[in-house]
Amino acid sequence: MRRGLGRVIAIVASVIPLIIISLLLDVKVEDIFSIGLLPFIVSCLIAVAKLFMQGLRFHYYVRSFIGSNVANMYKNVQIRMGSEFVTLTTPAYTGGEWVRVAWLHRNGVHSGKGLWIITIEIISDVLVGSTLAYIAMVVAFGAHNYVISSAILLITTPVFASYLILLTLSAKRIIQMPRFTQPLLTRFFGEERGERWTNFMNDSLRGLCEMSRIYLKRSSLRVFAVGLALTFAGASLHALTFMVIASAKASVGFFESLIMVAAAISIGTIPVSPGGSGLTELGIAYYLNTFSIDPAAFGDVIVAWRIASYHVPLFVSWILLVRSLSRGSNSSKQ
């Protein structure tokens, strides 16, 4: 009950920044409607296709690293798409990963192997997203848009470095929780739970490191290459959601849309609002100056794009998450 209420609050909180951005850019309802129904619908369909692409990648990683005996493609894609609801309602685009780990664990996958799958998913997103963000940074710097280029550098680099270090360390040594973890958990939750949760986390990390040692080899390069290709395809679809809507007002190319969206996502990773709400819109608004586009003149495009690329997938993923969890509970009862 509390979790459901928390998600409702997160959804409401994601709408408020959109309203504030609309007011700041002087965007009226009729301005959004002037973009046209067809571009908006096409953009929404592309956004859902991006969700589906993430589901395909999840299924591919599960099949490649764990085996084909873990659920089926339909269920894997559905839980991946559904878990995005948690991601989109959590600051810094996090949270959905733990839904997938729990789901894999419920389907007989060791938590360490589940942790490996989501780690590779995150690494794929970070590698592709960071590369595109750095390209966006260079383009913005060349256009003398120093504020947004500096922001991209400062936000992207720590995230990129952190996950790169994690991946490197996991392949060389067994990572365990810090020594203060168990005493801290014991203090708040009791000795039995503190010990049990610490052992569980250490066991999961041990499984992650073992998977890293097994698969971080040349023999797995094809799997990683396909995963990165699917990740880039998802990023390209995200760029198309903006390009289609922007085409109603101006001629914005695919490359421009690709790096603008990458810059906006980079800014949105600051853990302040659910799903980067408000920050993402501001990020793409400031980046428009790189191409000599007035953000105020593109305010209706930004708002319509955010609704199509964020709020529509939010609704779709919520429906799929509810279906996945309800089916899981029904099967467990049987």
Protein backbone atom coordinates (compact mmCIF):
# COMPACT_ATOMS: atom_id res chain seq x y z
CA MET A 1 0.00 0.00 0.00
CA ARG A 2 2.78 2.41 0.93
CA ARG A 3 4.75 1.49 -2.21
CA GLY A 4 1.70 2.15 -4.39
CA LEU A 5 1.16 5.51 -2.73
CA GLY A 6 4.83 6.34 -3.21
CA ARG A 7 4.58 5.62 -6.94
CA VAL A 8 1.46 7.79 -7.25
CA ILE A 9 3.32 10.63 -5.54
CA ALA A 10 6.27 10.08 -7.91
CA ILE A 11 3.98 10.30 -10.96
CA VAL A 12 2.43 13.51 -9.67
CA ALA A 13 5.90 14.84 -8.91
CA SER A 14 6.94 14.10 -12.50
CA VAL A 15 4.05 16.15 -13.87
CA ILE A 16 4.68 19.23 -11.74
CA PRO A 17 8.09 20.06 -13.32
CA LEU A 18 6.47 19.73 -16.75
CA ILE A 19 3.85 22.29 -15.76
CA ILE A 20 6.54 24.62 -14.41
CA ILE A 21 8.58 24.28 -17.62
CA SER A 22 5.44 25.03 -19.64
CA LEU A 23 4.89 28.20 -17.63
CA LEU A 24 8.54 29.27 -17.92
CA LEU A 25 8.50 28.76 -21.70
CA ASP A 26 5.01 30.27 -21.99
CA VAL A 27 3.58 27.11 -23.55
CA LYS A 28 -0.20 26.94 -23.78
CA VAL A 29 -2.36 23.90 -24.46
CA GLU A 30 -3.23 25.16 -27.93
CA ASP A 31 0.50 25.45 -28.69
CA ILE A 32 0.97 21.75 -27.99
CA PHE A 33 -2.05 20.84 -30.12
CA SER A 34 -0.65 22.93 -32.98
CA ILE A 35 2.15 20.38 -33.41
CA GLY A 36 -0.37 17.96 -34.84
CA LEU A 37 -1.85 14.65 -33.79
CA LEU A 38 0.07 12.50 -36.30
CA PRO A 39 3.62 13.53 -35.24
CA PHE A 40 2.63 13.08 -31.60
CA ILE A 41 1.16 9.59 -32.15
CA VAL A 42 4.17 8.51 -34.23
CA SER A 43 6.51 9.79 -31.50
CA CYS A 44 4.54 7.85 -28.86
CA LEU A 45 4.75 4.64 -30.91
CA ILE A 46 8.50 5.09 -31.32
CA ALA A 47 8.86 5.62 -27.56
CA VAL A 48 7.03 2.33 -26.92
CA ALA A 49 9.26 0.67 -29.55
CA LYS A 50 12.27 1.87 -27.52
CA LEU A 51 10.81 0.14 -24.47
CA PHE A 52 10.42 -3.03 -26.53
CA MET A 53 14.03 -2.75 -27.72
CA GLN A 54 15.18 -2.66 -24.08
CA GLY A 55 13.11 -5.77 -23.48
CA LEU A 56 14.76 -7.57 -26.39
CA ARG A 57 18.20 -6.67 -25.07
CA PHE A 58 17.32 -7.98 -21.60
CA HIS A 59 16.10 -11.26 -23.09
CA TYR A 60 19.25 -11.51 -25.22
CA TYR A 61 21.53 -11.04 -22.21
CA VAL A 62 19.54 -13.53 -20.11
CA ARG A 63 19.63 -16.13 -22.89
CA SER A 64 23.33 -15.54 -23.61
CA PHE A 65 24.66 -15.49 -20.05
CA ILE A 66 22.21 -17.68 -18.12
CA GLY A 67 20.43 -19.89 -20.64
CA SER A 68 17.15 -20.32 -22.48
CA ASN A 69 15.51 -22.10 -19.54
CA VAL A 70 14.75 -18.80 -17.74
CA ALA A 71 11.13 -17.96 -18.63
CA ASN A 72 10.52 -17.18 -22.32
CA MET A 73 11.00 -14.22 -24.60
CA TYR A 74 7.49 -12.86 -24.00
CA LYS A 75 7.87 -12.87 -20.20
CA ASN A 76 11.42 -11.49 -20.28
CA VAL A 77 10.44 -8.63 -22.56
CA GLN A 78 7.32 -7.90 -20.52
CA ILE A 79 9.10 -7.71 -17.16
CA ARG A 80 11.85 -5.56 -18.66
CA MET A 81 9.32 -3.13 -20.13
CA GLY A 82 7.28 -3.17 -16.92
CA SER A 83 10.28 -2.56 -14.66
CA GLU A 84 10.91 0.67 -16.55
CA PHE A 85 7.98 2.15 -14.60
CA VAL A 86 10.09 1.98 -11.43
CA THR A 87 13.07 3.43 -13.28
CA LEU A 88 10.99 6.34 -14.61
CA THR A 89 9.64 7.18 -11.16
CA THR A 90 12.99 7.05 -9.34
CA PRO A 91 15.71 9.75 -9.33
CA ALA A 92 18.74 9.12 -11.59
CA TYR A 93 16.83 6.48 -13.62
CA THR A 94 17.46 3.75 -11.02
CA GLY A 95 15.23 1.23 -9.29
CA GLY A 96 13.94 -0.93 -12.13
CA GLU A 97 17.10 -3.03 -11.99
CA TRP A 98 16.14 -4.47 -8.60
CA VAL A 99 12.71 -5.45 -9.91
CA ARG A 100 14.45 -7.50 -12.60
CA VAL A 101 16.89 -9.07 -10.12
CA ALA A 102 13.97 -10.08 -7.88
CA TRP A 103 12.05 -11.45 -10.86
CA LEU A 104 15.03 -13.49 -12.05
CA HIS A 105 15.59 -14.78 -8.50
CA ARG A 106 11.94 -15.86 -8.36
CA ASN A 107 12.53 -17.78 -11.58
CA GLY A 108 15.41 -19.74 -10.08
CA VAL A 109 18.32 -17.50 -11.04
CA HIS A 110 20.99 -16.91 -8.39
CA SER A 111 21.01 -13.29 -7.22
CA GLY A 112 24.65 -12.96 -8.27
CA LYS A 113 23.81 -13.94 -11.84
CA GLY A 114 20.83 -11.59 -11.81
CA LEU A 115 23.13 -8.82 -10.58
CA TRP A 116 25.49 -9.59 -13.45
CA ILE A 117 22.67 -9.20 -16.01
CA ILE A 118 21.61 -5.78 -14.72
CA THR A 119 25.25 -4.70 -14.38
CA ILE A 120 25.84 -5.48 -18.05
CA GLU A 121 22.62 -3.66 -18.92
CA ILE A 122 23.76 -0.59 -17.02
CA ILE A 123 27.28 -0.77 -18.47
CA SER A 124 25.79 -0.94 -21.98
CA ASP A 125 23.63 2.12 -21.27
CA VAL A 126 26.56 3.98 -19.71
CA LEU A 127 28.97 3.20 -22.56
CA VAL A 128 26.55 4.23 -25.31
CA GLY A 129 25.02 7.12 -23.36
CA SER A 130 28.38 8.49 -22.23
CA THR A 131 29.85 8.29 -25.74
CA LEU A 132 26.90 10.21 -27.18
CA ALA A 133 27.00 12.67 -24.27
CA TYR A 134 30.71 13.36 -24.84
CA ILE A 135 30.02 13.94 -28.55
CA ALA A 136 27.25 16.34 -27.53
CA MET A 137 29.69 18.05 -25.16
CA VAL A 138 32.28 18.56 -27.94
CA VAL A 139 29.65 19.94 -30.32
CA ALA A 140 28.32 22.32 -27.66
CA PHE A 141 31.82 23.46 -26.76
CA GLY A 142 32.54 24.15 -30.43
CA ALA A 143 29.41 26.28 -30.58
CA HIS A 144 30.59 28.25 -27.51
CA ASN A 145 27.79 26.80 -25.39
CA TYR A 146 30.15 26.39 -22.45
CA VAL A 147 27.56 26.06 -19.67
CA ILE A 148 25.87 22.96 -21.06
CA SER A 149 29.16 21.39 -22.24
CA SER A 150 30.68 21.81 -18.76
CA ALA A 151 27.57 20.38 -17.13
CA ILE A 152 27.69 17.29 -19.38
CA LEU A 153 31.37 16.74 -18.56
CA LEU A 154 30.88 17.08 -14.80
CA ILE A 155 27.82 14.82 -14.68
CA THR A 156 28.80 12.11 -17.17
CA THR A 157 32.41 11.50 -16.13
CA PRO A 158 31.84 10.29 -12.52
CA VAL A 159 29.10 7.88 -13.63
CA PHE A 160 31.20 6.53 -16.50
CA ALA A 161 34.30 6.15 -14.31
CA SER A 162 32.41 4.49 -11.43
CA TYR A 163 30.91 1.71 -13.52
CA LEU A 164 34.15 1.18 -15.43
CA ILE A 165 35.99 0.72 -12.11
CA LEU A 166 33.26 -1.62 -10.83
CA LEU A 167 33.50 -3.79 -13.94
CA THR A 168 37.31 -3.89 -13.78
CA LEU A 169 37.44 -4.75 -10.07
CA SER A 170 34.74 -7.43 -10.36
CA ALA A 171 36.86 -9.29 -12.90
CA LYS A 172 40.01 -9.21 -10.75
CA ARG A 173 38.82 -9.75 -7.18
CA ILE A 174 35.83 -10.76 -5.07
CA ILE A 175 34.02 -7.58 -4.01
CA GLN A 176 32.32 -7.71 -0.62
CA MET A 177 30.28 -5.28 1.43
CA PRO A 178 32.23 -2.91 3.73
CA ARG A 179 32.86 -4.18 7.25
CA PHE A 180 30.52 -1.62 8.80
CA THR A 181 27.55 -3.00 6.82
CA GLN A 182 26.52 -5.75 9.23
CA PRO A 183 26.88 -3.66 12.43
CA LEU A 184 24.90 -0.86 10.77
CA LEU A 185 22.09 -3.16 9.63
CA THR A 186 22.09 -4.90 13.02
CA ARG A 187 21.67 -1.59 14.78
CA PHE A 188 18.54 -0.69 12.79
CA PHE A 189 16.97 -4.09 12.01
CA GLY A 190 18.28 -6.52 14.62
CA GLU A 191 21.10 -9.05 14.72
CA GLU A 192 19.35 -11.84 12.80
CA ARG A 193 18.27 -9.65 9.87
CA GLY A 194 21.56 -7.75 9.82
CA GLU A 195 23.54 -10.96 9.48
CA ARG A 196 21.15 -12.53 6.97
CA TRP A 197 21.00 -9.46 4.69
CA THR A 198 24.77 -8.93 4.82
CA ASN A 199 25.39 -12.59 3.90
CA PHE A 200 22.88 -12.32 1.07
CA MET A 201 24.53 -9.18 -0.34
CA ASN A 202 28.01 -10.69 -0.06
CA ASP A 203 26.80 -13.87 -1.77
CA SER A 204 25.26 -11.80 -4.58
CA LEU A 205 28.46 -9.81 -5.07
CA ARG A 206 30.49 -13.02 -5.07
CA GLY A 207 28.23 -14.39 -7.81
CA LEU A 208 28.62 -11.17 -9.79
CA CYS A 209 32.42 -11.36 -9.61
CA GLU A 210 32.40 -15.01 -10.65
CA MET A 211 30.29 -14.15 -13.70
CA SER A 212 32.66 -11.30 -14.54
CA ARG A 213 35.63 -13.67 -14.49
CA ILE A 214 33.83 -16.16 -16.70
CA TYR A 215 32.46 -13.79 -19.34
CA LEU A 216 34.83 -10.82 -19.51
CA LYS A 217 36.84 -12.56 -22.20
CA ARG A 218 37.30 -12.35 -25.96
CA SER A 219 34.86 -15.21 -26.43
CA SER A 220 32.06 -12.94 -25.18
CA LEU A 221 32.84 -10.02 -27.48
CA ARG A 222 30.07 -10.96 -29.89
CA VAL A 223 27.48 -10.92 -27.11
CA PHE A 224 28.65 -7.51 -25.89
CA ALA A 225 28.72 -6.16 -29.46
CA VAL A 226 25.13 -7.24 -30.09
CA GLY A 227 24.07 -5.79 -26.74
CA LEU A 228 25.72 -2.45 -27.51
CA ALA A 229 24.10 -2.45 -30.97
CA LEU A 230 20.67 -2.96 -29.38
CA THR A 231 21.47 -0.19 -26.89
CA PHE A 232 22.40 2.21 -29.68
CA ALA A 233 19.22 1.24 -31.53
CA GLY A 234 17.26 2.20 -28.41
CA ALA A 235 19.09 5.52 -28.20
CA SER A 236 18.35 6.12 -31.88
CA LEU A 237 14.65 5.49 -31.31
CA HIS A 238 14.72 7.96 -28.42
CA ALA A 239 16.28 10.53 -30.77
CA LEU A 240 13.57 9.87 -33.34
CA THR A 241 10.86 10.69 -30.78
CA PHE A 242 12.26 14.22 -30.64
CA MET A 243 13.00 14.54 -34.36
CA VAL A 244 9.46 13.57 -35.38
CA ILE A 245 7.82 16.12 -33.09
CA ALA A 246 10.41 18.83 -33.84
CA SER A 247 9.82 18.37 -37.59
CA ALA A 248 6.41 19.97 -37.11
CA LYS A 249 8.16 23.30 -36.44
CA ALA A 250 11.65 23.11 -37.94
CA SER A 251 14.04 20.86 -39.82
CA VAL A 252 16.00 19.04 -37.12
CA GLY A 253 18.20 16.21 -38.35
CA PHE A 254 18.79 12.80 -36.79
CA PHE A 255 22.32 13.57 -35.57
CA GLU A 256 21.19 16.82 -33.92
CA SER A 257 18.31 14.99 -32.23
CA LEU A 258 20.61 12.17 -31.14
CA ILE A 259 23.08 14.39 -29.31
CA MET A 260 20.39 16.73 -27.95
CA VAL A 261 18.54 13.82 -26.35
CA ALA A 262 21.85 12.39 -25.05
CA ALA A 263 22.68 15.74 -23.46
CA ALA A 264 19.21 15.97 -21.91
CA ILE A 265 19.45 12.45 -20.44
CA SER A 266 22.90 13.26 -19.05
CA ILE A 267 21.50 16.29 -17.23
CA GLY A 268 18.50 14.24 -16.09
CA THR A 269 20.71 11.73 -14.25
CA ILE A 270 21.22 14.22 -11.41
CA PRO A 271 19.35 12.50 -8.55
CA VAL A 272 16.91 15.28 -7.77
CA SER A 273 13.57 14.44 -9.38
CA PRO A 274 11.81 11.22 -10.46
CA GLY A 275 12.89 10.18 -13.95
CA GLY A 276 14.84 13.40 -14.40
CA SER A 277 11.61 15.40 -14.59
CA GLY A 278 12.31 19.09 -15.08
CA LEU A 279 16.06 18.55 -15.49
CA THR A 280 15.66 16.70 -18.80
CA GLU A 281 13.47 19.45 -20.23
CA LEU A 282 15.88 22.14 -19.05
CA GLY A 283 18.82 20.18 -20.46
CA ILE A 284 17.40 19.96 -23.95
CA ALA A 285 16.20 23.57 -23.78
CA TYR A 286 19.69 24.85 -22.97
CA TYR A 287 21.24 22.58 -25.59
CA LEU A 288 19.04 24.06 -28.33
CA ASN A 289 21.23 27.17 -28.18
CA THR A 290 24.03 25.04 -29.65
CA PHE A 291 22.14 25.05 -32.95
CA SER A 292 20.98 28.67 -32.62
CA ILE A 293 17.41 27.61 -31.78
CA ASP A 294 15.47 29.75 -29.33
CA PRO A 295 14.19 27.48 -26.50
CA ALA A 296 11.15 29.74 -26.02
CA ALA A 297 10.16 29.19 -29.65
CA PHE A 298 10.56 25.41 -29.16
CA GLY A 299 8.77 25.22 -25.83
CA ASP A 300 5.73 23.41 -27.23
CA VAL A 301 8.01 20.85 -28.92
CA ILE A 302 9.89 20.19 -25.67
CA VAL A 303 6.69 19.68 -23.68
CA ALA A 304 5.05 17.49 -26.33
CA TRP A 305 8.25 15.45 -26.71
CA ARG A 306 8.48 14.89 -22.97
CA ILE A 307 4.88 13.69 -22.80
CA ALA A 308 5.43 11.31 -25.73
CA SER A 309 8.85 10.00 -24.65
CA TYR A 310 8.31 9.89 -20.88
CA HIS A 311 4.71 9.95 -19.73
CA VAL A 312 3.35 7.59 -22.41
CA PRO A 313 6.06 4.93 -21.68
CA LEU A 314 5.36 5.52 -17.98
CA PHE A 315 1.72 4.54 -18.49
CA VAL A 316 2.54 1.57 -20.75
CA SER A 317 5.22 0.23 -18.41
CA TRP A 318 2.88 0.56 -15.43
CA ILE A 319 0.28 -1.63 -17.16
CA LEU A 320 2.90 -4.25 -18.05
CA LEU A 321 4.39 -4.23 -14.54
CA VAL A 322 0.99 -4.81 -12.96
CA ARG A 323 0.32 -7.66 -15.39
CA SER A 324 3.73 -9.25 -14.71
CA LEU A 325 3.36 -9.06 -10.94
CA SER A 326 -0.27 -10.25 -10.94
CA ARG A 327 0.61 -13.25 -13.10
CA GLY A 328 3.56 -14.02 -10.85
CA SER A 329 1.39 -13.94 -7.73
CA ASN A 330 -1.29 -16.09 -9.38
CA SER A 331 1.25 -18.72 -10.46
CA SER A 332 2.79 -18.82 -6.97
CA LYS A 333 -0.65 -19.42 -5.43
CA GLN A 334 -1.23 -22.31 -7.77
